Amino acid sequence: MVAVLVLVGCGAAAAAASTPPSDPVVRRAADLVEWGRWQEARKLLADALAQPANARNAPLIAYYAHVLLKFGDLRAGTDQAKRAVALDDACASCHLYLFEATAERAQGMNQFRALLVLPRMKKQLEKATALDPGSGDIQWAWIDLDLALPSAAGGSSADAMKHADRLGEIDPVDGRLARASIYASLKQPEQELAQYRLAAEDHPDDPRGLFALGQALYQRGDFAAAAPPLAKAYAMNPASALYSGYHAASLVHEKKLPQARAVLDAAQAQHPDSRLGDYLCAEALRQTNQDFAWAKQLLEAYLAVPPEPEQPTAAQARTLLAALG
């Protein structure tokens, strides 16, 4: 049952936090996470926590736990989340990320043990909600949990939609993205795409909806339709490794290789450890039968640094490299 949990933060990572964290280091780390620059976020948080002044900074410790969990460091992430709650029981994000750690641990359990853990998980999420009902990240956590659990264990797409409505009151773009994720889980692709379109059309000055629409179209193979929203999102926020990566790959599909190179060069200068664009462009070069030599160089560069969480693995990059001959 819990083996299929979609962990809290998957949706929130794609969008800006609905209520920016008050701690400036956490706020900066959350921005980096939103932009797909997880390794920078982890280093920023680790460096901050190495300072004695932050030894009892519960929100900072909790967010560090969240990032560690995304890197697969379950033991350290769980320890940090427990430490954060022990330091400040009134910290909503501390309970949120302890919920996340507990859910992560439950994935390694058999079904019976996972069911026993479920009430404890929900208790953490309920406490987080009571402490900060205006947190978009907490609403995302409820949505993820509702979609991950079978109905017999309390899962409900209808309940997830209620949380998406609440999220929409907090952050209209996030609400649209949440509804899209619910339709995706229900295997209703047209309704999913419609929510992305509404996010982009109703909020043209917010790159999150534009990128979500462009990414969805790109992943469906509709490269011509994906190009304009991806280009607009990148223009609004070139600091995002996600935006730059998909925009560069879109340019490859348009056979605009010099422009794609320029986007990648700018991205690599700004965030050398987040190289999603290298993989995506190499993949696009193979799909369009262009410049395999450059594609191989890009994959070698991608393999030279550890992949970010939730991005193509080193094994996938090696498979693509082998396919280039």
C-alpha atoms as a PDB file:
ATOM      1  CA  MET A   1       0.000   0.000   0.000  1.00  0.00           C
ATOM      2  CA  VAL A   2       2.494   2.622   1.119  1.00  0.00           C
ATOM      3  CA  ALA A   3       5.026   1.369  -1.429  1.00  0.00           C
ATOM      4  CA  VAL A   4       3.273   3.557  -3.970  1.00  0.00           C
ATOM      5  CA  LEU A   5       3.345   6.714  -1.865  1.00  0.00           C
ATOM      6  CA  VAL A   6       4.141   9.856  -3.781  1.00  0.00           C
ATOM      7  CA  LEU A   7       6.112  11.704  -1.169  1.00  0.00           C
ATOM      8  CA  VAL A   8       5.193  15.178  -0.036  1.00  0.00           C
ATOM      9  CA  GLY A   9       6.974  17.903  -1.890  1.00  0.00           C
ATOM     10  CA  CYS A  10       6.831  16.329  -5.359  1.00  0.00           C
ATOM     11  CA  GLY A  11       4.231  18.814  -6.470  1.00  0.00           C
ATOM     12  CA  ALA A  12       5.526  21.626  -4.341  1.00  0.00           C
ATOM     13  CA  ALA A  13       8.988  21.284  -5.776  1.00  0.00           C
ATOM     14  CA  ALA A  14       7.685  22.253  -9.174  1.00  0.00           C
ATOM     15  CA  ALA A  15       6.126  25.448  -7.912  1.00  0.00           C
ATOM     16  CA  ALA A  16       7.154  28.270  -5.650  1.00  0.00           C
ATOM     17  CA  ALA A  17       6.205  27.923  -2.007  1.00  0.00           C
ATOM     18  CA  SER A  18       2.776  29.492  -1.581  1.00  0.00           C
ATOM     19  CA  THR A  19       3.904  31.230   1.587  1.00  0.00           C
ATOM     20  CA  PRO A  20       7.650  32.000   1.391  1.00  0.00           C
ATOM     21  CA  PRO A  21       9.573  30.719   4.440  1.00  0.00           C
ATOM     22  CA  SER A  22      10.504  33.435   6.916  1.00  0.00           C
ATOM     23  CA  ASP A  23      14.073  32.208   7.375  1.00  0.00           C
ATOM     24  CA  PRO A  24      16.178  33.748   4.568  1.00  0.00           C
ATOM     25  CA  VAL A  25      18.371  30.651   4.173  1.00  0.00           C
ATOM     26  CA  VAL A  26      15.346  28.368   3.923  1.00  0.00           C
ATOM     27  CA  ARG A  27      13.749  30.802   1.478  1.00  0.00           C
ATOM     28  CA  ARG A  28      16.841  30.727  -0.735  1.00  0.00           C
ATOM     29  CA  ALA A  29      17.062  26.934  -0.490  1.00  0.00           C
ATOM     30  CA  ALA A  30      13.377  26.631  -1.433  1.00  0.00           C
ATOM     31  CA  ASP A  31      14.029  28.780  -4.505  1.00  0.00           C
ATOM     32  CA  LEU A  32      16.935  26.562  -5.527  1.00  0.00           C
ATOM     33  CA  VAL A  33      14.759  23.470  -5.081  1.00  0.00           C
ATOM     34  CA  GLU A  34      12.014  25.003  -7.206  1.00  0.00           C
ATOM     35  CA  TRP A  35      14.602  25.676  -9.901  1.00  0.00           C
ATOM     36  CA  GLY A  36      15.871  22.074  -9.852  1.00  0.00           C
ATOM     37  CA  ARG A  37      19.164  23.030  -8.186  1.00  0.00           C
ATOM     38  CA  TRP A  38      19.042  20.548  -5.314  1.00  0.00           C
ATOM     39  CA  GLN A  39      22.787  20.128  -4.800  1.00  0.00           C
ATOM     40  CA  GLU A  40      23.221  23.856  -4.259  1.00  0.00           C
ATOM     41  CA  ALA A  41      20.323  23.827  -1.794  1.00  0.00           C
ATOM     42  CA  ARG A  42      21.859  20.957   0.168  1.00  0.00           C
ATOM     43  CA  LYS A  43      25.239  22.719   0.405  1.00  0.00           C
ATOM     44  CA  LEU A  44      23.634  26.018   1.383  1.00  0.00           C
ATOM     45  CA  LEU A  45      21.707  24.368   4.206  1.00  0.00           C
ATOM     46  CA  ALA A  46      24.649  22.271   5.406  1.00  0.00           C
ATOM     47  CA  ASP A  47      26.899  25.325   5.521  1.00  0.00           C
ATOM     48  CA  ALA A  48      24.278  27.298   7.435  1.00  0.00           C
ATOM     49  CA  LEU A  49      23.790  24.516   9.979  1.00  0.00           C
ATOM     50  CA  ALA A  50      27.536  24.309  10.546  1.00  0.00           C
ATOM     51  CA  GLN A  51      27.294  27.754  12.153  1.00  0.00           C
ATOM     52  CA  PRO A  52      26.729  27.621  15.948  1.00  0.00           C
ATOM     53  CA  ALA A  53      24.052  30.317  15.702  1.00  0.00           C
ATOM     54  CA  ASN A  54      21.825  27.924  13.751  1.00  0.00           C
ATOM     55  CA  ALA A  55      22.220  24.909  16.019  1.00  0.00           C
ATOM     56  CA  ARG A  56      18.633  25.243  17.290  1.00  0.00           C
ATOM     57  CA  ASN A  57      17.027  26.682  14.150  1.00  0.00           C
ATOM     58  CA  ALA A  58      14.188  24.183  13.819  1.00  0.00           C
ATOM     59  CA  PRO A  59      12.764  25.347  10.428  1.00  0.00           C
ATOM     60  CA  LEU A  60      16.251  25.286   8.918  1.00  0.00           C
ATOM     61  CA  ILE A  61      16.908  21.789  10.267  1.00  0.00           C
ATOM     62  CA  ALA A  62      13.511  20.605   9.022  1.00  0.00           C
ATOM     63  CA  TYR A  63      14.097  21.856   5.491  1.00  0.00           C
ATOM     64  CA  TYR A  64      17.526  20.250   5.503  1.00  0.00           C
ATOM     65  CA  ALA A  65      15.771  16.994   6.414  1.00  0.00           C
ATOM     66  CA  HIS A  66      13.474  17.442   3.408  1.00  0.00           C
ATOM     67  CA  VAL A  67      16.412  17.921   1.045  1.00  0.00           C
ATOM     68  CA  LEU A  68      18.339  14.975   2.499  1.00  0.00           C
ATOM     69  CA  LEU A  69      15.317  12.741   1.993  1.00  0.00           C
ATOM     70  CA  LYS A  70      15.155  13.730  -1.669  1.00  0.00           C
ATOM     71  CA  PHE A  71      18.751  12.584  -2.036  1.00  0.00           C
ATOM     72  CA  GLY A  72      17.787   9.206  -0.577  1.00  0.00           C
ATOM     73  CA  ASP A  73      19.517   9.763   2.770  1.00  0.00           C
ATOM     74  CA  LEU A  74      16.696   8.289   4.828  1.00  0.00           C
ATOM     75  CA  ARG A  75      18.527   7.874   8.120  1.00  0.00           C
ATOM     76  CA  ALA A  76      19.987  11.383   8.258  1.00  0.00           C
ATOM     77  CA  GLY A  77      16.778  12.944   6.942  1.00  0.00           C
ATOM     78  CA  THR A  78      14.687  11.184   9.572  1.00  0.00           C
ATOM     79  CA  ASP A  79      17.097  12.110  12.362  1.00  0.00           C
ATOM     80  CA  GLN A  80      17.070  15.755  11.331  1.00  0.00           C
ATOM     81  CA  ALA A  81      13.269  15.856  11.100  1.00  0.00           C
ATOM     82  CA  LYS A  82      12.920  14.342  14.576  1.00  0.00           C
ATOM     83  CA  ARG A  83      15.464  16.797  15.916  1.00  0.00           C
ATOM     84  CA  ALA A  84      13.553  19.727  14.438  1.00  0.00           C
ATOM     85  CA  VAL A  85      10.272  18.646  16.056  1.00  0.00           C
ATOM     86  CA  ALA A  86      12.027  18.098  19.391  1.00  0.00           C
ATOM     87  CA  LEU A  87      13.428  21.622  19.228  1.00  0.00           C
ATOM     88  CA  ASP A  88      10.125  23.294  18.328  1.00  0.00           C
ATOM     89  CA  ASP A  89       6.877  21.365  18.588  1.00  0.00           C
ATOM     90  CA  ALA A  90       5.004  24.434  17.305  1.00  0.00           C
ATOM     91  CA  CYS A  91       6.912  24.436  14.001  1.00  0.00           C
ATOM     92  CA  ALA A  92       4.511  23.407  11.220  1.00  0.00           C
ATOM     93  CA  SER A  93       7.187  22.626   8.645  1.00  0.00           C
ATOM     94  CA  CYS A  94       8.965  20.439  11.194  1.00  0.00           C
ATOM     95  CA  HIS A  95       5.898  18.211  11.488  1.00  0.00           C
ATOM     96  CA  LEU A  96       5.420  18.304   7.713  1.00  0.00           C
ATOM     97  CA  TYR A  97       8.892  16.958   7.021  1.00  0.00           C
ATOM     98  CA  LEU A  98       8.677  14.417   9.838  1.00  0.00           C
ATOM     99  CA  PHE A  99       5.557  13.192   8.033  1.00  0.00           C
ATOM    100  CA  GLU A 100       7.615  12.982   4.856  1.00  0.00           C
ATOM    101  CA  ALA A 101      10.374  11.035   6.595  1.00  0.00           C
ATOM    102  CA  THR A 102       7.862   8.616   8.116  1.00  0.00           C
ATOM    103  CA  ALA A 103       6.235   8.079   4.722  1.00  0.00           C
ATOM    104  CA  GLU A 104       9.641   7.416   3.189  1.00  0.00           C
ATOM    105  CA  ARG A 105      10.422   4.837   5.852  1.00  0.00           C
ATOM    106  CA  ALA A 106       7.042   3.185   5.344  1.00  0.00           C
ATOM    107  CA  GLN A 107       7.937   2.422   1.744  1.00  0.00           C
ATOM    108  CA  GLY A 108      10.439  -0.153   2.959  1.00  0.00           C
ATOM    109  CA  MET A 109       7.887  -1.944   5.157  1.00  0.00           C
ATOM    110  CA  ASN A 110       5.484  -4.734   4.382  1.00  0.00           C
ATOM    111  CA  GLN A 111       1.824  -3.817   3.968  1.00  0.00           C
ATOM    112  CA  PHE A 112       0.811  -4.752   7.517  1.00  0.00           C
ATOM    113  CA  ARG A 113       3.532  -2.660   9.173  1.00  0.00           C
ATOM    114  CA  ALA A 114       2.905   0.230   6.798  1.00  0.00           C
ATOM    115  CA  LEU A 115      -0.771   0.279   7.789  1.00  0.00           C
ATOM    116  CA  LEU A 116       0.244   0.469  11.442  1.00  0.00           C
ATOM    117  CA  VAL A 117       2.450   3.480  10.686  1.00  0.00           C
ATOM    118  CA  LEU A 118      -0.238   5.324   8.698  1.00  0.00           C
ATOM    119  CA  PRO A 119      -2.034   6.863  11.725  1.00  0.00           C
ATOM    120  CA  ARG A 120       1.256   8.242  13.001  1.00  0.00           C
ATOM    121  CA  MET A 121       1.961   9.733   9.605  1.00  0.00           C
ATOM    122  CA  LYS A 122      -1.433  11.406   9.453  1.00  0.00           C
ATOM    123  CA  LYS A 123      -1.024  12.741  12.988  1.00  0.00           C
ATOM    124  CA  GLN A 124       2.072  14.662  11.906  1.00  0.00           C
ATOM    125  CA  LEU A 125       0.260  16.083   8.899  1.00  0.00           C
ATOM    126  CA  GLU A 126      -2.785  17.012  10.961  1.00  0.00           C
ATOM    127  CA  LYS A 127      -0.593  18.837  13.467  1.00  0.00           C
ATOM    128  CA  ALA A 128       1.205  20.681  10.663  1.00  0.00           C
ATOM    129  CA  THR A 129      -2.164  21.729   9.238  1.00  0.00           C
ATOM    130  CA  ALA A 130      -3.415  22.991  12.590  1.00  0.00           C
ATOM    131  CA  LEU A 131      -0.237  25.014  13.096  1.00  0.00           C
ATOM    132  CA  ASP A 132      -0.209  26.551   9.604  1.00  0.00           C
ATOM    133  CA  PRO A 133      -3.494  26.146   7.681  1.00  0.00           C
ATOM    134  CA  GLY A 134      -2.263  28.652   5.095  1.00  0.00           C
ATOM    135  CA  SER A 135       0.713  26.560   3.986  1.00  0.00           C
ATOM    136  CA  GLY A 136       0.541  25.481   0.373  1.00  0.00           C
ATOM    137  CA  ASP A 137       3.169  22.797   0.930  1.00  0.00           C
ATOM    138  CA  ILE A 138       0.964  21.156   3.565  1.00  0.00           C
ATOM    139  CA  GLN A 139      -1.993  21.120   1.176  1.00  0.00           C
ATOM    140  CA  TRP A 140       0.261  19.478  -1.413  1.00  0.00           C
ATOM    141  CA  ALA A 141       1.145  16.841   1.181  1.00  0.00           C
ATOM    142  CA  TRP A 142      -2.522  15.983   1.706  1.00  0.00           C
ATOM    143  CA  ILE A 143      -3.033  15.794  -2.062  1.00  0.00           C
ATOM    144  CA  ASP A 144      -0.054  13.487  -2.501  1.00  0.00           C
ATOM    145  CA  LEU A 145      -1.249  11.259   0.337  1.00  0.00           C
ATOM    146  CA  ASP A 146      -4.836  11.141  -0.939  1.00  0.00           C
ATOM    147  CA  LEU A 147      -3.631  10.100  -4.389  1.00  0.00           C
ATOM    148  CA  ALA A 148      -1.096   7.572  -3.141  1.00  0.00           C
ATOM    149  CA  LEU A 149      -3.322   5.595  -0.773  1.00  0.00           C
ATOM    150  CA  PRO A 150      -5.925   3.087  -1.984  1.00  0.00           C
ATOM    151  CA  SER A 151      -9.516   3.921  -1.073  1.00  0.00           C
ATOM    152  CA  ALA A 152      -9.550   1.168   1.568  1.00  0.00           C
ATOM    153  CA  ALA A 153      -6.790   2.995   3.423  1.00  0.00           C
ATOM    154  CA  GLY A 154      -8.388   6.428   3.079  1.00  0.00           C
ATOM    155  CA  GLY A 155      -7.183   7.545  -0.340  1.00  0.00           C
ATOM    156  CA  SER A 156      -9.611   9.718  -2.277  1.00  0.00           C
ATOM    157  CA  SER A 157      -9.281  11.781  -5.439  1.00  0.00           C
ATOM    158  CA  ALA A 158     -12.359  13.741  -4.334  1.00  0.00           C
ATOM    159  CA  ASP A 159     -10.649  14.660  -1.067  1.00  0.00           C
ATOM    160  CA  ALA A 160      -7.500  15.520  -3.015  1.00  0.00           C
ATOM    161  CA  MET A 161      -9.551  17.888  -5.143  1.00  0.00           C
ATOM    162  CA  LYS A 162     -10.850  19.610  -1.992  1.00  0.00           C
ATOM    163  CA  HIS A 163      -7.280  20.227  -0.911  1.00  0.00           C
ATOM    164  CA  ALA A 164      -6.509  21.513  -4.404  1.00  0.00           C
ATOM    165  CA  ASP A 165      -9.399  23.966  -4.039  1.00  0.00           C
ATOM    166  CA  ARG A 166      -7.963  25.112  -0.720  1.00  0.00           C
ATOM    167  CA  LEU A 167      -4.537  25.393  -2.310  1.00  0.00           C
ATOM    168  CA  GLY A 168      -6.065  27.469  -5.084  1.00  0.00           C
ATOM    169  CA  GLU A 169      -7.298  29.951  -2.481  1.00  0.00           C
ATOM    170  CA  ILE A 170      -3.749  30.233  -1.150  1.00  0.00           C
ATOM    171  CA  ASP A 171      -2.013  30.304  -4.532  1.00  0.00           C
ATOM    172  CA  PRO A 172      -4.117  30.170  -7.740  1.00  0.00           C
ATOM    173  CA  VAL A 173      -1.284  28.836  -9.917  1.00  0.00           C
ATOM    174  CA  ASP A 174      -0.442  26.104  -7.429  1.00  0.00           C
ATOM    175  CA  GLY A 175      -4.114  25.188  -7.296  1.00  0.00           C
ATOM    176  CA  ARG A 176      -4.197  24.654 -11.064  1.00  0.00           C
ATOM    177  CA  LEU A 177      -1.030  22.572 -10.954  1.00  0.00           C
ATOM    178  CA  ALA A 178      -2.482  20.466  -8.148  1.00  0.00           C
ATOM    179  CA  ARG A 179      -5.676  19.825 -10.090  1.00  0.00           C
ATOM    180  CA  ALA A 180      -3.551  18.819 -13.076  1.00  0.00           C
ATOM    181  CA  SER A 181      -1.694  16.296 -10.928  1.00  0.00           C
ATOM    182  CA  ILE A 182      -5.001  14.831  -9.752  1.00  0.00           C
ATOM    183  CA  TYR A 183      -6.262  14.442 -13.314  1.00  0.00           C
ATOM    184  CA  ALA A 184      -2.943  12.849 -14.241  1.00  0.00           C
ATOM    185  CA  SER A 185      -3.396  10.280 -11.458  1.00  0.00           C
ATOM    186  CA  LEU A 186      -6.908   9.592 -12.777  1.00  0.00           C
ATOM    187  CA  LYS A 187      -5.462   9.086 -16.281  1.00  0.00           C
ATOM    188  CA  GLN A 188      -7.460  11.981 -17.710  1.00  0.00           C
ATOM    189  CA  PRO A 189      -4.798  13.660 -19.876  1.00  0.00           C
ATOM    190  CA  GLU A 190      -7.058  16.199 -21.555  1.00  0.00           C
ATOM    191  CA  GLN A 191      -8.342  17.520 -18.241  1.00  0.00           C
ATOM    192  CA  GLU A 192      -4.766  17.567 -16.961  1.00  0.00           C
ATOM    193  CA  LEU A 193      -3.600  19.625 -19.939  1.00  0.00           C
ATOM    194  CA  ALA A 194      -6.584  21.953 -19.583  1.00  0.00           C
ATOM    195  CA  GLN A 195      -5.480  22.854 -16.052  1.00  0.00           C
ATOM    196  CA  TYR A 196      -1.979  23.662 -17.285  1.00  0.00           C
ATOM    197  CA  ARG A 197      -3.460  25.878 -19.989  1.00  0.00           C
ATOM    198  CA  LEU A 198      -5.583  27.728 -17.456  1.00  0.00           C
ATOM    199  CA  ALA A 199      -2.563  28.252 -15.208  1.00  0.00           C
ATOM    200  CA  ALA A 200      -0.613  29.719 -18.128  1.00  0.00           C
ATOM    201  CA  GLU A 201      -3.436  31.770 -19.637  1.00  0.00           C
ATOM    202  CA  ASP A 202      -4.880  33.175 -16.405  1.00  0.00           C
ATOM    203  CA  HIS A 203      -1.457  34.034 -14.954  1.00  0.00           C
ATOM    204  CA  PRO A 204       0.769  35.015 -17.905  1.00  0.00           C
ATOM    205  CA  ASP A 205       3.218  36.855 -15.648  1.00  0.00           C
ATOM    206  CA  ASP A 206       3.949  33.754 -13.560  1.00  0.00           C
ATOM    207  CA  PRO A 207       6.458  31.373 -15.179  1.00  0.00           C
ATOM    208  CA  ARG A 208       5.269  28.327 -13.234  1.00  0.00           C
ATOM    209  CA  GLY A 209       2.109  27.819 -15.267  1.00  0.00           C
ATOM    210  CA  LEU A 210       3.873  28.553 -18.536  1.00  0.00           C
ATOM    211  CA  PHE A 211       6.587  26.032 -17.767  1.00  0.00           C
ATOM    212  CA  ALA A 212       4.131  23.376 -16.622  1.00  0.00           C
ATOM    213  CA  LEU A 213       2.186  23.741 -19.863  1.00  0.00           C
ATOM    214  CA  GLY A 214       5.323  23.701 -21.991  1.00  0.00           C
ATOM    215  CA  GLN A 215       6.770  20.720 -20.163  1.00  0.00           C
ATOM    216  CA  ALA A 216       3.523  18.757 -20.510  1.00  0.00           C
ATOM    217  CA  LEU A 217       3.349  19.459 -24.250  1.00  0.00           C
ATOM    218  CA  TYR A 218       7.029  18.618 -24.673  1.00  0.00           C
ATOM    219  CA  GLN A 219       6.653  15.308 -22.868  1.00  0.00           C
ATOM    220  CA  ARG A 220       3.718  14.460 -25.133  1.00  0.00           C
ATOM    221  CA  GLY A 221       5.890  15.047 -28.183  1.00  0.00           C
ATOM    222  CA  ASP A 222       4.098  18.224 -29.275  1.00  0.00           C
ATOM    223  CA  PHE A 223       7.352  20.141 -29.604  1.00  0.00           C
ATOM    224  CA  ALA A 224       6.031  22.972 -31.763  1.00  0.00           C
ATOM    225  CA  ALA A 225       3.304  23.842 -29.258  1.00  0.00           C
ATOM    226  CA  ALA A 226       5.714  23.470 -26.322  1.00  0.00           C
ATOM    227  CA  ALA A 227       8.263  25.940 -27.673  1.00  0.00           C
ATOM    228  CA  PRO A 228       6.495  29.290 -26.946  1.00  0.00           C
ATOM    229  CA  PRO A 229       5.575  28.667 -23.287  1.00  0.00           C
ATOM    230  CA  LEU A 230       8.981  27.128 -22.569  1.00  0.00           C
ATOM    231  CA  ALA A 231      10.718  30.136 -24.105  1.00  0.00           C
ATOM    232  CA  LYS A 232       8.562  32.556 -22.097  1.00  0.00           C
ATOM    233  CA  ALA A 233       9.161  30.732 -18.817  1.00  0.00           C
ATOM    234  CA  TYR A 234      12.911  30.731 -19.418  1.00  0.00           C
ATOM    235  CA  ALA A 235      12.916  34.439 -20.251  1.00  0.00           C
ATOM    236  CA  MET A 236      11.172  35.139 -16.943  1.00  0.00           C
ATOM    237  CA  ASN A 237      13.537  33.022 -14.864  1.00  0.00           C
ATOM    238  CA  PRO A 238      16.791  31.869 -16.502  1.00  0.00           C
ATOM    239  CA  ALA A 239      18.083  30.865 -13.045  1.00  0.00           C
ATOM    240  CA  SER A 240      15.963  27.706 -13.198  1.00  0.00           C
ATOM    241  CA  ALA A 241      17.836  24.610 -14.340  1.00  0.00           C
ATOM    242  CA  LEU A 242      14.463  23.133 -15.269  1.00  0.00           C
ATOM    243  CA  TYR A 243      13.411  26.069 -17.419  1.00  0.00           C
ATOM    244  CA  SER A 244      16.770  26.388 -19.160  1.00  0.00           C
ATOM    245  CA  GLY A 245      17.013  22.641 -19.757  1.00  0.00           C
ATOM    246  CA  TYR A 246      13.641  22.244 -21.410  1.00  0.00           C
ATOM    247  CA  HIS A 247      14.004  25.479 -23.380  1.00  0.00           C
ATOM    248  CA  ALA A 248      17.386  24.384 -24.752  1.00  0.00           C
ATOM    249  CA  ALA A 249      15.993  20.972 -25.727  1.00  0.00           C
ATOM    250  CA  SER A 250      13.029  22.677 -27.367  1.00  0.00           C
ATOM    251  CA  LEU A 251      15.456  24.735 -29.451  1.00  0.00           C
ATOM    252  CA  VAL A 252      17.155  21.508 -30.542  1.00  0.00           C
ATOM    253  CA  HIS A 253      13.811  20.210 -31.788  1.00  0.00           C
ATOM    254  CA  GLU A 254      13.411  23.466 -33.690  1.00  0.00           C
ATOM    255  CA  LYS A 255      16.877  22.791 -35.190  1.00  0.00           C
ATOM    256  CA  LYS A 256      18.250  25.969 -33.665  1.00  0.00           C
ATOM    257  CA  LEU A 257      21.471  24.461 -32.368  1.00  0.00           C
ATOM    258  CA  PRO A 258      23.476  27.698 -31.899  1.00  0.00           C
ATOM    259  CA  GLN A 259      20.679  29.122 -29.733  1.00  0.00           C
ATOM    260  CA  ALA A 260      20.477  25.873 -27.752  1.00  0.00           C
ATOM    261  CA  ARG A 261      24.234  25.981 -27.153  1.00  0.00           C
ATOM    262  CA  ALA A 262      23.951  29.563 -25.895  1.00  0.00           C
ATOM    263  CA  VAL A 263      21.239  28.627 -23.401  1.00  0.00           C
ATOM    264  CA  LEU A 264      23.272  25.664 -22.129  1.00  0.00           C
ATOM    265  CA  ASP A 265      26.445  27.741 -21.853  1.00  0.00           C
ATOM    266  CA  ALA A 266      24.623  30.350 -19.770  1.00  0.00           C
ATOM    267  CA  ALA A 267      23.081  27.669 -17.570  1.00  0.00           C
ATOM    268  CA  GLN A 268      26.352  25.840 -17.004  1.00  0.00           C
ATOM    269  CA  ALA A 269      28.056  29.094 -16.033  1.00  0.00           C
ATOM    270  CA  GLN A 270      25.358  29.801 -13.461  1.00  0.00           C
ATOM    271  CA  HIS A 271      24.778  26.316 -12.030  1.00  0.00           C
ATOM    272  CA  PRO A 272      27.475  23.829 -13.156  1.00  0.00           C
ATOM    273  CA  ASP A 273      26.196  21.048 -10.891  1.00  0.00           C
ATOM    274  CA  SER A 274      22.664  21.067 -12.336  1.00  0.00           C
ATOM    275  CA  ARG A 275      22.984  19.813 -15.882  1.00  0.00           C
ATOM    276  CA  LEU A 276      19.520  18.591 -16.800  1.00  0.00           C
ATOM    277  CA  GLY A 277      19.764  20.527 -20.055  1.00  0.00           C
ATOM    278  CA  ASP A 278      22.736  18.429 -21.154  1.00  0.00           C
ATOM    279  CA  TYR A 279      20.706  15.232 -20.928  1.00  0.00           C
ATOM    280  CA  LEU A 280      17.574  16.690 -22.499  1.00  0.00           C
ATOM    281  CA  CYS A 281      19.503  18.203 -25.402  1.00  0.00           C
ATOM    282  CA  ALA A 282      21.415  14.967 -26.004  1.00  0.00           C
ATOM    283  CA  GLU A 283      18.109  13.109 -26.057  1.00  0.00           C
ATOM    284  CA  ALA A 284      16.636  15.682 -28.460  1.00  0.00           C
ATOM    285  CA  LEU A 285      19.681  15.471 -30.728  1.00  0.00           C
ATOM    286  CA  ARG A 286      19.228  11.709 -31.002  1.00  0.00           C
ATOM    287  CA  GLN A 287      15.485  12.043 -31.615  1.00  0.00           C
ATOM    288  CA  THR A 288      16.080  14.559 -34.419  1.00  0.00           C
ATOM    289  CA  ASN A 289      19.188  12.806 -35.801  1.00  0.00           C
ATOM    290  CA  GLN A 290      21.436  15.855 -35.308  1.00  0.00           C
ATOM    291  CA  ASP A 291      25.057  16.259 -34.191  1.00  0.00           C
ATOM    292  CA  PHE A 292      25.678  12.989 -32.334  1.00  0.00           C
ATOM    293  CA  ALA A 293      29.204  14.139 -31.483  1.00  0.00           C
ATOM    294  CA  TRP A 294      27.806  17.052 -29.479  1.00  0.00           C
ATOM    295  CA  ALA A 295      25.224  14.749 -27.900  1.00  0.00           C
ATOM    296  CA  LYS A 296      28.026  12.482 -26.664  1.00  0.00           C
ATOM    297  CA  GLN A 297      29.896  15.456 -25.197  1.00  0.00           C
ATOM    298  CA  LEU A 298      26.763  16.574 -23.382  1.00  0.00           C
ATOM    299  CA  LEU A 299      26.192  13.145 -21.866  1.00  0.00           C
ATOM    300  CA  GLU A 300      29.810  12.901 -20.736  1.00  0.00           C
ATOM    301  CA  ALA A 301      29.379  16.271 -19.016  1.00  0.00           C
ATOM    302  CA  TYR A 302      26.120  15.072 -17.456  1.00  0.00           C
ATOM    303  CA  LEU A 303      27.849  11.971 -16.114  1.00  0.00           C
ATOM    304  CA  ALA A 304      30.695  14.049 -14.661  1.00  0.00           C
ATOM    305  CA  VAL A 305      28.474  15.319 -11.828  1.00  0.00           C
ATOM    306  CA  PRO A 306      25.906  13.437  -9.696  1.00  0.00           C
ATOM    307  CA  PRO A 307      22.381  13.805 -11.103  1.00  0.00           C
ATOM    308  CA  GLU A 308      19.906  15.902  -9.182  1.00  0.00           C
ATOM    309  CA  PRO A 309      16.982  14.130  -7.463  1.00  0.00           C
ATOM    310  CA  GLU A 310      14.039  13.300  -9.729  1.00  0.00           C
ATOM    311  CA  GLN A 311      16.155  13.744 -12.868  1.00  0.00           C
ATOM    312  CA  PRO A 312      17.562  11.121 -15.277  1.00  0.00           C
ATOM    313  CA  THR A 313      19.931   8.727 -13.555  1.00  0.00           C
ATOM    314  CA  ALA A 314      23.505   7.996 -14.517  1.00  0.00           C
ATOM    315  CA  ALA A 315      22.326   4.607 -15.809  1.00  0.00           C
ATOM    316  CA  GLN A 316      19.826   6.304 -18.114  1.00  0.00           C
ATOM    317  CA  ALA A 317      22.537   8.641 -19.383  1.00  0.00           C
ATOM    318  CA  ARG A 318      24.842   5.687 -20.110  1.00  0.00           C
ATOM    319  CA  THR A 319      22.054   3.913 -21.988  1.00  0.00           C
ATOM    320  CA  LEU A 320      21.438   7.004 -24.109  1.00  0.00           C
ATOM    321  CA  LEU A 321      25.187   7.376 -24.703  1.00  0.00           C
ATOM    322  CA  ALA A 322      25.399   3.772 -25.904  1.00  0.00           C
ATOM    323  CA  ALA A 323      22.462   4.356 -28.258  1.00  0.00           C
ATOM    324  CA  LEU A 324      24.427   7.119 -29.994  1.00  0.00           C
ATOM    325  CA  GLY A 325      26.944   4.543 -31.247  1.00  0.00           C
END
